[in-house]
Amino acid sequence: MERTDTPFWNYFCQISDSTTSYGSYSGAVPNEKITRGKLDIDTPKFVIESDATIVAPLIFAYLLDM
């Protein structure tokens, strides 16, 4: 199923408290998504190493308040 018409993601943000390692989805670094054809090399990529139950509500509150 090689689809060539699937667009890249516009940006990537990951909130994770798992150890970064190749082969595990939760700890996969953004560069691994480049090799899988989901991100372009120039796609903005952000990795927040923290507990998502703390960080996500803060980010969402900020974004919804804009």
PDB file of N, CA and C in Angstrom:
ATOM      1  N   MET A   1       0.825  -1.189   0.000  1.00  0.00           N
ATOM      2  CA  MET A   1       0.000   0.000   0.000  1.00  0.00           C
ATOM      3  C   MET A   1       0.863   1.243   0.000  1.00  0.00           C
ATOM      4  N   GLU A   2       1.629   1.418  -0.999  1.00  0.00           N
ATOM      5  CA  GLU A   2       2.440   2.621  -1.131  1.00  0.00           C
ATOM      6  C   GLU A   2       1.592   3.724  -1.737  1.00  0.00           C
ATOM      7  N   ARG A   3       1.094   4.609  -0.902  1.00  0.00           N
ATOM      8  CA  ARG A   3       0.312   5.758  -1.379  1.00  0.00           C
ATOM      9  C   ARG A   3       1.248   6.933  -1.551  1.00  0.00           C
ATOM     10  N   THR A   4       1.234   7.526  -2.712  1.00  0.00           N
ATOM     11  CA  THR A   4       2.113   8.653  -2.975  1.00  0.00           C
ATOM     12  C   THR A   4       1.402   9.987  -2.842  1.00  0.00           C
ATOM     13  N   ASP A   5       0.078   9.970  -2.690  1.00  0.00           N
ATOM     14  CA  ASP A   5      -0.682  11.209  -2.631  1.00  0.00           C
ATOM     15  C   ASP A   5      -1.037  11.632  -1.211  1.00  0.00           C
ATOM     16  N   THR A   6      -0.489  10.979  -0.215  1.00  0.00           N
ATOM     17  CA  THR A   6      -0.768  11.312   1.173  1.00  0.00           C
ATOM     18  C   THR A   6       0.114  12.486   1.601  1.00  0.00           C
ATOM     19  N   PRO A   7      -0.485  13.576   2.065  1.00  0.00           N
ATOM     20  CA  PRO A   7       0.334  14.742   2.436  1.00  0.00           C
ATOM     21  C   PRO A   7       1.084  14.519   3.753  1.00  0.00           C
ATOM     22  N   PHE A   8       2.196  15.236   3.903  1.00  0.00           N
ATOM     23  CA  PHE A   8       2.929  15.215   5.167  1.00  0.00           C
ATOM     24  C   PHE A   8       2.132  15.958   6.237  1.00  0.00           C
ATOM     25  N   TRP A   9       2.409  15.660   7.494  1.00  0.00           N
ATOM     26  CA  TRP A   9       1.823  16.411   8.591  1.00  0.00           C
ATOM     27  C   TRP A   9       2.385  17.825   8.558  1.00  0.00           C
ATOM     28  N   ASN A  10       1.587  18.834   8.974  1.00  0.00           N
ATOM     29  CA  ASN A  10       2.038  20.229   8.976  1.00  0.00           C
ATOM     30  C   ASN A  10       3.001  20.536  10.116  1.00  0.00           C
ATOM     31  N   TYR A  11       2.855  19.849  11.214  1.00  0.00           N
ATOM     32  CA  TYR A  11       3.739  20.020  12.364  1.00  0.00           C
ATOM     33  C   TYR A  11       3.644  18.754  13.199  1.00  0.00           C
ATOM     34  N   PHE A  12       4.544  18.619  14.152  1.00  0.00           N
ATOM     35  CA  PHE A  12       4.520  17.449  15.028  1.00  0.00           C
ATOM     36  C   PHE A  12       4.892  17.886  16.431  1.00  0.00           C
ATOM     37  N   CYS A  13       4.058  17.540  17.390  1.00  0.00           N
ATOM     38  CA  CYS A  13       4.343  17.801  18.793  1.00  0.00           C
ATOM     39  C   CYS A  13       4.089  16.531  19.579  1.00  0.00           C
ATOM     40  N   GLN A  14       5.054  16.133  20.347  1.00  0.00           N
ATOM     41  CA  GLN A  14       4.956  14.906  21.130  1.00  0.00           C
ATOM     42  C   GLN A  14       5.156  15.240  22.599  1.00  0.00           C
ATOM     43  N   ILE A  15       4.230  14.786  23.436  1.00  0.00           N
ATOM     44  CA  ILE A  15       4.380  14.892  24.885  1.00  0.00           C
ATOM     45  C   ILE A  15       4.575  13.475  25.383  1.00  0.00           C
ATOM     46  N   SER A  16       5.715  13.216  25.958  1.00  0.00           N
ATOM     47  CA  SER A  16       6.016  11.846  26.346  1.00  0.00           C
ATOM     48  C   SER A  16       6.918  11.815  27.565  1.00  0.00           C
ATOM     49  N   ASP A  17       6.644  10.879  28.446  1.00  0.00           N
ATOM     50  CA  ASP A  17       7.546  10.676  29.575  1.00  0.00           C
ATOM     51  C   ASP A  17       8.312   9.362  29.426  1.00  0.00           C
ATOM     52  N   SER A  18       8.137   8.698  28.269  1.00  0.00           N
ATOM     53  CA  SER A  18       8.848   7.442  28.052  1.00  0.00           C
ATOM     54  C   SER A  18      10.245   7.716  27.503  1.00  0.00           C
ATOM     55  N   THR A  19      11.099   6.779  27.682  1.00  0.00           N
ATOM     56  CA  THR A  19      12.462   6.894  27.208  1.00  0.00           C
ATOM     57  C   THR A  19      12.485   6.854  25.688  1.00  0.00           C
ATOM     58  N   THR A  20      13.214   7.765  25.095  1.00  0.00           N
ATOM     59  CA  THR A  20      13.332   7.800  23.648  1.00  0.00           C
ATOM     60  C   THR A  20      14.137   6.605  23.176  1.00  0.00           C
ATOM     61  N   SER A  21      13.537   5.835  22.275  1.00  0.00           N
ATOM     62  CA  SER A  21      14.236   4.685  21.711  1.00  0.00           C
ATOM     63  C   SER A  21      13.625   4.346  20.367  1.00  0.00           C
ATOM     64  N   TYR A  22      14.421   3.794  19.501  1.00  0.00           N
ATOM     65  CA  TYR A  22      13.905   3.378  18.207  1.00  0.00           C
ATOM     66  C   TYR A  22      13.176   2.051  18.365  1.00  0.00           C
ATOM     67  N   GLY A  23      12.059   1.914  17.667  1.00  0.00           N
ATOM     68  CA  GLY A  23      11.314   0.671  17.703  1.00  0.00           C
ATOM     69  C   GLY A  23      10.081   0.725  18.584  1.00  0.00           C
ATOM     70  N   SER A  24      10.002   1.659  19.515  1.00  0.00           N
ATOM     71  CA  SER A  24       8.794   1.770  20.339  1.00  0.00           C
ATOM     72  C   SER A  24       8.029   3.006  19.903  1.00  0.00           C
ATOM     73  N   TYR A  25       6.736   2.893  19.720  1.00  0.00           N
ATOM     74  CA  TYR A  25       5.948   4.012  19.211  1.00  0.00           C
ATOM     75  C   TYR A  25       5.933   5.174  20.191  1.00  0.00           C
ATOM     76  N   SER A  26       5.718   4.903  21.467  1.00  0.00           N
ATOM     77  CA  SER A  26       5.567   5.996  22.424  1.00  0.00           C
ATOM     78  C   SER A  26       6.848   6.780  22.620  1.00  0.00           C
ATOM     79  N   GLY A  27       7.983   6.139  22.440  1.00  0.00           N
ATOM     80  CA  GLY A  27       9.238   6.830  22.635  1.00  0.00           C
ATOM     81  C   GLY A  27       9.969   7.151  21.354  1.00  0.00           C
ATOM     82  N   ALA A  28       9.320   6.955  20.214  1.00  0.00           N
ATOM     83  CA  ALA A  28       9.978   7.180  18.930  1.00  0.00           C
ATOM     84  C   ALA A  28      10.243   8.667  18.719  1.00  0.00           C
ATOM     85  N   VAL A  29      11.431   8.959  18.252  1.00  0.00           N
ATOM     86  CA  VAL A  29      11.797  10.351  17.989  1.00  0.00           C
ATOM     87  C   VAL A  29      11.148  10.815  16.689  1.00  0.00           C
ATOM     88  N   PRO A  30      10.962  12.142  16.512  1.00  0.00           N
ATOM     89  CA  PRO A  30      10.328  12.640  15.283  1.00  0.00           C
ATOM     90  C   PRO A  30      11.046  12.212  14.002  1.00  0.00           C
ATOM     91  N   ASN A  31      12.360  12.069  14.052  1.00  0.00           N
ATOM     92  CA  ASN A  31      13.088  11.665  12.851  1.00  0.00           C
ATOM     93  C   ASN A  31      12.665  10.292  12.346  1.00  0.00           C
ATOM     94  N   GLU A  32      12.185   9.440  13.239  1.00  0.00           N
ATOM     95  CA  GLU A  32      11.695   8.128  12.806  1.00  0.00           C
ATOM     96  C   GLU A  32      10.436   8.287  11.949  1.00  0.00           C
ATOM     97  N   LYS A  33       9.649   9.316  12.215  1.00  0.00           N
ATOM     98  CA  LYS A  33       8.450   9.563  11.410  1.00  0.00           C
ATOM     99  C   LYS A  33       8.807  10.096  10.024  1.00  0.00           C
ATOM    100  N   ILE A  34       9.992  10.688   9.881  1.00  0.00           N
ATOM    101  CA  ILE A  34      10.467  11.108   8.559  1.00  0.00           C
ATOM    102  C   ILE A  34      10.714   9.878   7.703  1.00  0.00           C
ATOM    103  N   THR A  35      11.348   8.869   8.277  1.00  0.00           N
ATOM    104  CA  THR A  35      11.640   7.650   7.510  1.00  0.00           C
ATOM    105  C   THR A  35      10.380   6.881   7.163  1.00  0.00           C
ATOM    106  N   ARG A  36       9.299   7.082   7.914  1.00  0.00           N
ATOM    107  CA  ARG A  36       8.037   6.396   7.619  1.00  0.00           C
ATOM    108  C   ARG A  36       7.133   7.208   6.699  1.00  0.00           C
ATOM    109  N   GLY A  37       7.613   8.379   6.261  1.00  0.00           N
ATOM    110  CA  GLY A  37       6.871   9.180   5.305  1.00  0.00           C
ATOM    111  C   GLY A  37       5.742  10.004   5.890  1.00  0.00           C
ATOM    112  N   LYS A  38       5.768  10.256   7.196  1.00  0.00           N
ATOM    113  CA  LYS A  38       4.723  11.065   7.826  1.00  0.00           C
ATOM    114  C   LYS A  38       5.133  12.529   7.949  1.00  0.00           C
ATOM    115  N   LEU A  39       6.429  12.766   8.129  1.00  0.00           N
ATOM    116  CA  LEU A  39       6.947  14.125   8.281  1.00  0.00           C
ATOM    117  C   LEU A  39       7.991  14.402   7.215  1.00  0.00           C
ATOM    118  N   ASP A  40       8.054  15.656   6.784  1.00  0.00           N
ATOM    119  CA  ASP A  40       9.113  16.103   5.901  1.00  0.00           C
ATOM    120  C   ASP A  40      10.286  16.537   6.775  1.00  0.00           C
ATOM    121  N   ILE A  41      11.454  16.581   6.227  1.00  0.00           N
ATOM    122  CA  ILE A  41      12.626  16.963   7.010  1.00  0.00           C
ATOM    123  C   ILE A  41      12.517  18.397   7.533  1.00  0.00           C
ATOM    124  N   ASP A  42      11.732  19.248   6.848  1.00  0.00           N
ATOM    125  CA  ASP A  42      11.564  20.644   7.269  1.00  0.00           C
ATOM    126  C   ASP A  42      10.321  20.878   8.125  1.00  0.00           C
ATOM    127  N   THR A  43       9.579  19.840   8.439  1.00  0.00           N
ATOM    128  CA  THR A  43       8.384  19.974   9.277  1.00  0.00           C
ATOM    129  C   THR A  43       8.787  20.422  10.677  1.00  0.00           C
ATOM    130  N   PRO A  44       8.114  21.446  11.243  1.00  0.00           N
ATOM    131  CA  PRO A  44       8.408  21.838  12.626  1.00  0.00           C
ATOM    132  C   PRO A  44       8.116  20.681  13.581  1.00  0.00           C
ATOM    133  N   LYS A  45       9.089  20.365  14.436  1.00  0.00           N
ATOM    134  CA  LYS A  45       8.966  19.228  15.352  1.00  0.00           C
ATOM    135  C   LYS A  45       9.262  19.684  16.779  1.00  0.00           C
ATOM    136  N   PHE A  46       8.387  19.304  17.696  1.00  0.00           N
ATOM    137  CA  PHE A  46       8.541  19.671  19.099  1.00  0.00           C
ATOM    138  C   PHE A  46       8.383  18.426  19.946  1.00  0.00           C
ATOM    139  N   VAL A  47       9.280  18.216  20.884  1.00  0.00           N
ATOM    140  CA  VAL A  47       9.172  17.097  21.821  1.00  0.00           C
ATOM    141  C   VAL A  47       9.201  17.683  23.223  1.00  0.00           C
ATOM    142  N   ILE A  48       8.151  17.414  23.985  1.00  0.00           N
ATOM    143  CA  ILE A  48       8.056  17.872  25.365  1.00  0.00           C
ATOM    144  C   ILE A  48       8.200  16.639  26.249  1.00  0.00           C
ATOM    145  N   GLU A  49       9.271  16.591  26.997  1.00  0.00           N
ATOM    146  CA  GLU A  49       9.519  15.442  27.858  1.00  0.00           C
ATOM    147  C   GLU A  49       8.953  15.723  29.237  1.00  0.00           C
ATOM    148  N   SER A  50       7.716  15.279  29.442  1.00  0.00           N
ATOM    149  CA  SER A  50       7.024  15.501  30.704  1.00  0.00           C
ATOM    150  C   SER A  50       5.799  14.598  30.741  1.00  0.00           C
ATOM    151  N   ASP A  51       5.067  14.695  31.820  1.00  0.00           N
ATOM    152  CA  ASP A  51       3.833  13.936  31.970  1.00  0.00           C
ATOM    153  C   ASP A  51       2.715  14.646  31.220  1.00  0.00           C
ATOM    154  N   ALA A  52       2.087  13.960  30.285  1.00  0.00           N
ATOM    155  CA  ALA A  52       1.039  14.560  29.449  1.00  0.00           C
ATOM    156  C   ALA A  52      -0.170  15.006  30.272  1.00  0.00           C
ATOM    157  N   THR A  53      -0.440  14.378  31.405  1.00  0.00           N
ATOM    158  CA  THR A  53      -1.597  14.772  32.213  1.00  0.00           C
ATOM    159  C   THR A  53      -1.378  16.137  32.860  1.00  0.00           C
ATOM    160  N   ILE A  54      -0.135  16.586  32.920  1.00  0.00           N
ATOM    161  CA  ILE A  54       0.165  17.915  33.449  1.00  0.00           C
ATOM    162  C   ILE A  54       0.300  18.929  32.313  1.00  0.00           C
ATOM    163  N   VAL A  55       1.056  18.566  31.292  1.00  0.00           N
ATOM    164  CA  VAL A  55       1.395  19.500  30.222  1.00  0.00           C
ATOM    165  C   VAL A  55       0.232  19.748  29.260  1.00  0.00           C
ATOM    166  N   ALA A  56      -0.457  18.707  28.844  1.00  0.00           N
ATOM    167  CA  ALA A  56      -1.528  18.857  27.840  1.00  0.00           C
ATOM    168  C   ALA A  56      -2.616  19.845  28.287  1.00  0.00           C
ATOM    169  N   PRO A  57      -3.153  19.755  29.508  1.00  0.00           N
ATOM    170  CA  PRO A  57      -4.162  20.737  29.914  1.00  0.00           C
ATOM    171  C   PRO A  57      -3.643  22.179  29.903  1.00  0.00           C
ATOM    172  N   LEU A  58      -2.373  22.381  30.239  1.00  0.00           N
ATOM    173  CA  LEU A  58      -1.803  23.726  30.195  1.00  0.00           C
ATOM    174  C   LEU A  58      -1.725  24.244  28.757  1.00  0.00           C
ATOM    175  N   ILE A  59      -1.295  23.399  27.851  1.00  0.00           N
ATOM    176  CA  ILE A  59      -1.218  23.805  26.437  1.00  0.00           C
ATOM    177  C   ILE A  59      -2.602  24.084  25.885  1.00  0.00           C
ATOM    178  N   PHE A  60      -3.562  23.185  26.147  1.00  0.00           N
ATOM    179  CA  PHE A  60      -4.920  23.362  25.622  1.00  0.00           C
ATOM    180  C   PHE A  60      -5.576  24.622  26.198  1.00  0.00           C
ATOM    181  N   ALA A  61      -5.358  24.884  27.476  1.00  0.00           N
ATOM    182  CA  ALA A  61      -5.918  26.090  28.093  1.00  0.00           C
ATOM    183  C   ALA A  61      -5.354  27.338  27.429  1.00  0.00           C
ATOM    184  N   TYR A  62      -4.067  27.313  27.156  1.00  0.00           N
ATOM    185  CA  TYR A  62      -3.434  28.446  26.491  1.00  0.00           C
ATOM    186  C   TYR A  62      -3.994  28.641  25.083  1.00  0.00           C
ATOM    187  N   LEU A  63      -4.071  27.560  24.320  1.00  0.00           N
ATOM    188  CA  LEU A  63      -4.554  27.647  22.943  1.00  0.00           C
ATOM    189  C   LEU A  63      -6.023  28.066  22.869  1.00  0.00           C
ATOM    190  N   LEU A  64      -6.838  27.575  23.775  1.00  0.00           N
ATOM    191  CA  LEU A  64      -8.268  27.933  23.762  1.00  0.00           C
ATOM    192  C   LEU A  64      -8.515  29.353  24.254  1.00  0.00           C
ATOM    193  N   ASP A  65      -7.552  29.910  24.967  1.00  0.00           N
ATOM    194  CA  ASP A  65      -7.684  31.261  25.501  1.00  0.00           C
ATOM    195  C   ASP A  65      -7.201  32.324  24.525  1.00  0.00           C
ATOM    196  N   MET A  66      -6.581  31.906  23.440  1.00  0.00           N
ATOM    197  CA  MET A  66      -6.000  32.856  22.465  1.00  0.00           C
ATOM    198  C   MET A  66      -7.066  33.642  21.760  1.00  0.00           C
TER     199      MET A  66
END
